[in-house]
């Protein structure tokens, strides 16, 4: 996992270096990029954990929708129910986070990361001590990732999503094609913002998701069910980073 973090950090530097030709990236935008890369790695990490222990995705709802339909067609209702459980609680996580934003007690700058960190530690504890039914683990993890999903949804003018792999790849290729054609970005937020810079950002988010998924398998060999503690710690560091750098979030 430490190797993955170093790789992510080096790519973050490349984002900055790649944009110097057209002007420096504002500090808040660069901070958002680094935060989103960590969030994507966490989503990929948790997805791998879900596959390892529950045989179900906890952040990849397109895959779960396919699995649910496929299992229904085969009359495998247990597997279909697992997939539907993930979809339901992922949606509830997004819904709950959206409701919480309007509450006076909610602190959107750090609470999403601390709350999801707690949920991940709770899931690891339940799996280790109580060996709960797969549906409970899937529900808890999917809710956690759905809740986290709402924390940061835009970087500059670009819509981003830590776990929507298909969308990120689709949008990155569109930006790449338009960038190679040297077309102007109509909603550019500054000289540093272009089709190519957005393509690079979205591909890096995809790469971080991939590294997170791979990192989970490596870490699980050493930590077993306690593997989620790694992501719980990462999220606490994200909360500290957001407060220290005063990172503007989508829900703040």
Protein backbone atom coordinates (compact mmCIF):
# COMPACT_ATOMS: atom_id res chain seq x y z
CA UNK A 1 0.00 0.00 0.00
CA UNK A 2 2.90 2.36 0.79
CA UNK A 3 4.24 1.77 -2.72
CA UNK A 4 0.82 2.71 -4.14
CA UNK A 5 0.80 5.92 -2.10
CA UNK A 6 4.27 6.84 -3.43
CA UNK A 7 3.13 6.20 -7.00
CA UNK A 8 0.03 8.33 -6.46
CA UNK A 9 2.15 11.13 -5.02
CA UNK A 10 4.55 11.02 -7.97
CA UNK A 11 1.66 11.19 -10.45
CA UNK A 12 0.24 14.16 -8.53
CA UNK A 13 3.56 15.93 -9.10
CA UNK A 14 3.36 15.08 -12.79
CA UNK A 15 -0.05 16.76 -12.96
CA UNK A 16 1.51 19.92 -11.60
CA UNK A 17 4.55 19.70 -13.89
CA UNK A 18 2.40 19.00 -16.94
CA UNK A 19 0.40 22.15 -16.35
CA UNK A 20 3.29 24.61 -15.92
CA UNK A 21 3.42 25.23 -19.65
CA UNK A 22 -0.03 26.81 -19.51
CA UNK A 23 0.16 28.37 -16.06
CA UNK A 24 0.38 27.13 -12.47
CA UNK A 25 -2.50 25.18 -10.99
CA UNK A 26 -4.27 27.02 -8.14
CA UNK A 27 -3.48 25.52 -4.73
CA UNK A 28 -7.06 24.57 -3.96
CA UNK A 29 -7.44 22.72 -7.29
CA UNK A 30 -4.21 20.79 -6.75
CA UNK A 31 -5.35 19.89 -3.22
CA UNK A 32 -8.68 18.65 -4.59
CA UNK A 33 -6.86 16.50 -7.15
CA UNK A 34 -4.69 14.86 -4.49
CA UNK A 35 -7.74 14.26 -2.29
CA UNK A 36 -9.73 12.70 -5.14
CA UNK A 37 -6.83 10.40 -6.01
CA UNK A 38 -6.80 9.12 -2.42
CA UNK A 39 -10.57 8.69 -2.47
CA UNK A 40 -10.36 6.67 -5.68
CA UNK A 41 -7.67 4.44 -4.16
CA UNK A 42 -9.88 3.88 -1.11
CA UNK A 43 -12.86 2.98 -3.33
CA UNK A 44 -10.79 0.47 -5.30
CA UNK A 45 -9.32 -0.94 -2.10
CA UNK A 46 -12.77 -1.48 -0.56
CA UNK A 47 -14.09 -3.00 -3.79
CA UNK A 48 -11.33 -5.61 -3.67
CA UNK A 49 -12.10 -6.27 0.00
CA UNK A 50 -15.74 -6.82 -0.91
CA UNK A 51 -14.75 -9.34 -3.57
CA UNK A 52 -12.35 -11.13 -1.22
CA UNK A 53 -14.75 -11.52 1.69
CA UNK A 54 -18.26 -11.13 0.27
CA UNK A 55 -17.84 -11.97 -3.44
CA UNK A 56 -19.63 -8.71 -4.26
CA UNK A 57 -18.60 -5.23 -5.38
CA UNK A 58 -19.22 -2.50 -2.83
CA UNK A 59 -18.52 0.52 -5.06
CA UNK A 60 -18.97 -0.75 -8.64
CA UNK A 61 -22.75 -0.56 -9.03
CA UNK A 62 -22.70 -1.14 -12.79
CA UNK A 63 -21.13 -4.53 -12.12
CA UNK A 64 -23.67 -5.25 -9.39
CA UNK A 65 -26.55 -4.34 -11.69
CA UNK A 66 -25.25 -6.79 -14.29
CA UNK A 67 -24.70 -9.42 -11.59
CA UNK A 68 -28.21 -8.93 -10.23
CA UNK A 69 -29.82 -9.34 -13.66
CA UNK A 70 -27.60 -12.28 -14.57
CA UNK A 71 -28.34 -14.04 -11.28
CA UNK A 72 -32.08 -13.46 -11.62
CA UNK A 73 -31.95 -15.01 -15.07
CA UNK A 74 -30.21 -18.06 -13.61
CA UNK A 75 -32.65 -18.10 -10.67
CA UNK A 76 -29.72 -17.67 -8.28
CA UNK A 77 -31.66 -15.51 -5.87
CA UNK A 78 -29.05 -15.47 -3.09
CA UNK A 79 -26.42 -13.89 -5.34
CA UNK A 80 -28.99 -11.52 -6.82
CA UNK A 81 -29.97 -10.41 -3.31
CA UNK A 82 -26.33 -9.68 -2.46
CA UNK A 83 -26.02 -7.47 -5.53
CA UNK A 84 -29.32 -5.70 -4.78
CA UNK A 85 -28.18 -5.17 -1.17
CA UNK A 86 -25.04 -3.41 -2.40
CA UNK A 87 -27.03 -1.21 -4.79
CA UNK A 88 -29.61 -0.31 -2.15
CA UNK A 89 -27.16 0.62 0.59
CA UNK A 90 -24.80 2.44 -1.77
CA UNK A 91 -27.77 4.58 -2.81
CA UNK A 92 -28.78 5.07 0.82
CA UNK A 93 -25.24 6.24 1.59
CA UNK A 94 -25.45 8.94 -1.08
CA UNK A 95 -28.97 9.89 0.05
CA UNK A 96 -27.96 10.12 3.72
CA UNK A 97 -24.88 12.23 2.93
CA UNK A 98 -27.02 14.60 0.85
CA UNK A 99 -29.54 14.97 3.69
CA UNK A 100 -26.78 15.50 6.28
CA UNK A 101 -25.33 18.46 4.36
CA UNK A 102 -28.34 20.57 5.27
CA UNK A 103 -28.08 19.85 9.01
CA UNK A 104 -26.60 22.45 11.37
CA UNK A 105 -24.50 19.89 13.25
CA UNK A 106 -22.88 18.46 10.13
CA UNK A 107 -19.31 19.53 9.33
CA UNK A 108 -18.84 18.56 5.66
CA UNK A 109 -15.13 19.38 5.59
CA UNK A 110 -14.11 16.47 7.81
CA UNK A 111 -17.12 14.42 8.96
CA UNK A 112 -17.47 12.30 5.77
CA UNK A 113 -13.93 11.01 6.11
CA UNK A 114 -14.09 10.41 9.87
CA UNK A 115 -17.53 8.76 9.66
CA UNK A 116 -16.56 6.43 6.81
CA UNK A 117 -13.29 5.61 8.60
CA UNK A 118 -15.39 4.52 11.60
CA UNK A 119 -17.65 2.39 9.39
CA UNK A 120 -14.67 0.61 7.83
CA UNK A 121 -13.19 -0.17 11.24
CA UNK A 122 -16.61 -1.38 12.40
CA UNK A 123 -16.88 -3.69 9.39
CA UNK A 124 -13.42 -5.18 10.01
CA UNK A 125 -14.29 -5.72 13.68
CA UNK A 126 -17.59 -7.43 12.87
CA UNK A 127 -15.97 -9.71 10.28
CA UNK A 128 -13.16 -10.70 12.66
CA UNK A 129 -15.19 -11.32 15.82
CA UNK A 130 -18.68 -12.23 14.65
CA UNK A 131 -18.39 -13.53 11.05
CA UNK A 132 -21.68 -11.87 10.04
CA UNK A 133 -23.80 -12.85 7.08
CA UNK A 134 -22.41 -11.50 3.79
CA UNK A 135 -25.41 -9.21 3.40
CA UNK A 136 -24.46 -7.29 6.56
CA UNK A 137 -20.88 -6.72 5.43
CA UNK A 138 -21.97 -5.72 1.93
CA UNK A 139 -24.58 -3.32 3.30
CA UNK A 140 -22.12 -1.64 5.67
CA UNK A 141 -19.32 -1.24 3.12
CA UNK A 142 -21.60 -0.12 0.27
CA UNK A 143 -23.25 2.46 2.53
CA UNK A 144 -19.81 3.74 3.56
CA UNK A 145 -18.57 4.15 -0.02
CA UNK A 146 -21.85 5.75 -1.09
CA UNK A 147 -21.56 8.25 1.76
CA UNK A 148 -17.95 9.06 0.86
CA UNK A 149 -18.90 9.39 -2.81
CA UNK A 150 -20.73 12.63 -2.07
CA UNK A 151 -17.76 14.42 -0.47
CA UNK A 152 -16.08 15.68 -3.65
CA UNK A 153 -17.85 15.66 -7.02
CA UNK A 154 -16.18 18.53 -8.94
CA UNK A 155 -12.62 19.69 -9.50
CA UNK A 156 -12.74 23.03 -11.23
CA UNK A 157 -15.26 22.58 -14.02
CA UNK A 158 -14.78 18.81 -14.27
CA UNK A 159 -17.25 16.37 -12.74
CA UNK A 160 -15.33 13.61 -10.94
CA UNK A 161 -16.28 10.42 -9.18
CA UNK A 162 -14.01 8.21 -7.12
CA UNK A 163 -15.72 4.96 -8.07
CA UNK A 164 -17.47 5.58 -11.42
CA UNK A 165 -14.74 3.92 -13.47
CA UNK A 166 -16.72 3.71 -16.72
CA UNK A 167 -17.67 7.38 -16.61
CA UNK A 168 -14.13 8.51 -15.85
CA UNK A 169 -12.71 6.49 -18.75
CA UNK A 170 -15.46 7.69 -21.09
CA UNK A 171 -14.92 11.35 -20.24
CA UNK A 172 -11.13 11.06 -20.30
CA UNK A 173 -11.14 9.70 -23.84
CA UNK A 174 -13.50 12.45 -24.99
CA UNK A 175 -11.23 15.11 -23.52
CA UNK A 176 -8.16 13.40 -24.99
CA UNK A 177 -9.69 13.34 -28.48
CA UNK A 178 -10.73 17.01 -28.29
CA UNK A 179 -7.34 17.96 -26.87
CA UNK A 180 -5.48 16.26 -29.71
CA UNK A 181 -7.73 18.14 -32.14
CA UNK A 182 -6.63 21.32 -30.30
CA UNK A 183 -10.19 22.36 -29.56
CA UNK A 184 -10.73 24.94 -26.83
CA UNK A 185 -12.37 24.00 -23.55
CA UNK A 186 -15.55 26.13 -23.38
CA UNK A 187 -15.78 26.16 -19.56
CA UNK A 188 -12.05 26.44 -18.79
CA UNK A 189 -11.40 27.87 -15.31
CA UNK A 190 -8.00 29.30 -16.18
CA UNK A 191 -4.95 28.93 -18.44
CA UNK A 192 -4.04 25.71 -16.61
CA UNK A 193 -7.38 24.11 -17.53
CA UNK A 194 -7.65 22.27 -20.86
CA UNK A 195 -9.03 19.13 -22.47
CA UNK A 196 -5.67 17.41 -22.05
CA UNK A 197 -5.32 18.36 -18.38
CA UNK A 198 -8.81 17.02 -17.68
CA UNK A 199 -8.06 13.81 -19.59
CA UNK A 200 -4.92 13.38 -17.50
CA UNK A 201 -6.84 13.96 -14.28
CA UNK A 202 -9.55 11.41 -15.08
CA UNK A 203 -7.01 8.80 -16.15
CA UNK A 204 -5.10 9.33 -12.91
CA UNK A 205 -8.30 8.81 -10.91
CA UNK A 206 -8.82 5.54 -12.81
CA UNK A 207 -5.22 4.52 -12.15
CA UNK A 208 -5.57 5.25 -8.43
CA UNK A 209 -8.69 3.08 -8.28
CA UNK A 210 -6.71 0.30 -9.98
CA UNK A 211 -3.77 0.67 -7.59
CA UNK A 212 -6.11 0.67 -4.61
CA UNK A 213 -7.74 -2.56 -5.80
CA UNK A 214 -4.35 -4.20 -6.30
CA UNK A 215 -3.05 -2.84 -2.98
CA UNK A 216 -5.88 -4.48 -1.06
CA UNK A 217 -4.90 -7.95 -2.31
CA UNK A 218 -1.27 -7.36 -1.29
CA UNK A 219 -2.13 -5.97 2.15
CA UNK A 220 -4.72 -8.69 2.82
CA UNK A 221 -1.99 -11.34 2.73
CA UNK A 222 -0.50 -9.75 5.84
CA UNK A 223 -3.45 -8.26 7.70
CA UNK A 224 -6.36 -10.53 6.73
CA UNK A 225 -9.75 -9.13 7.70
CA UNK A 226 -8.04 -6.16 9.38
CA UNK A 227 -6.98 -4.91 5.94
CA UNK A 228 -9.69 -2.23 6.07
CA UNK A 229 -7.82 -0.54 8.92
CA UNK A 230 -5.37 0.75 6.29
CA UNK A 231 -8.09 2.65 4.45
CA UNK A 232 -9.57 3.83 7.75
CA UNK A 233 -6.24 5.45 8.59
CA UNK A 234 -5.95 6.95 5.09
CA UNK A 235 -9.38 8.56 5.50
CA UNK A 236 -8.41 10.08 8.84
CA UNK A 237 -5.35 11.54 7.15
CA UNK A 238 -7.65 12.90 4.43
CA UNK A 239 -9.78 14.59 7.09
CA UNK A 240 -6.66 16.20 8.60
CA UNK A 241 -5.49 17.26 5.11
CA UNK A 242 -8.84 18.88 4.30
CA UNK A 243 -8.84 20.86 7.55
CA UNK A 244 -5.19 21.90 7.32
CA UNK A 245 -5.32 22.98 3.67
CA UNK A 246 -8.91 24.26 3.89
CA UNK A 247 -9.74 22.23 0.78
CA UNK A 248 -13.03 23.36 -0.83
CA UNK A 249 -15.38 20.38 -1.10
CA UNK A 250 -18.51 19.94 -3.18
CA UNK A 251 -20.73 19.62 -0.11
CA UNK A 252 -19.15 22.36 1.97
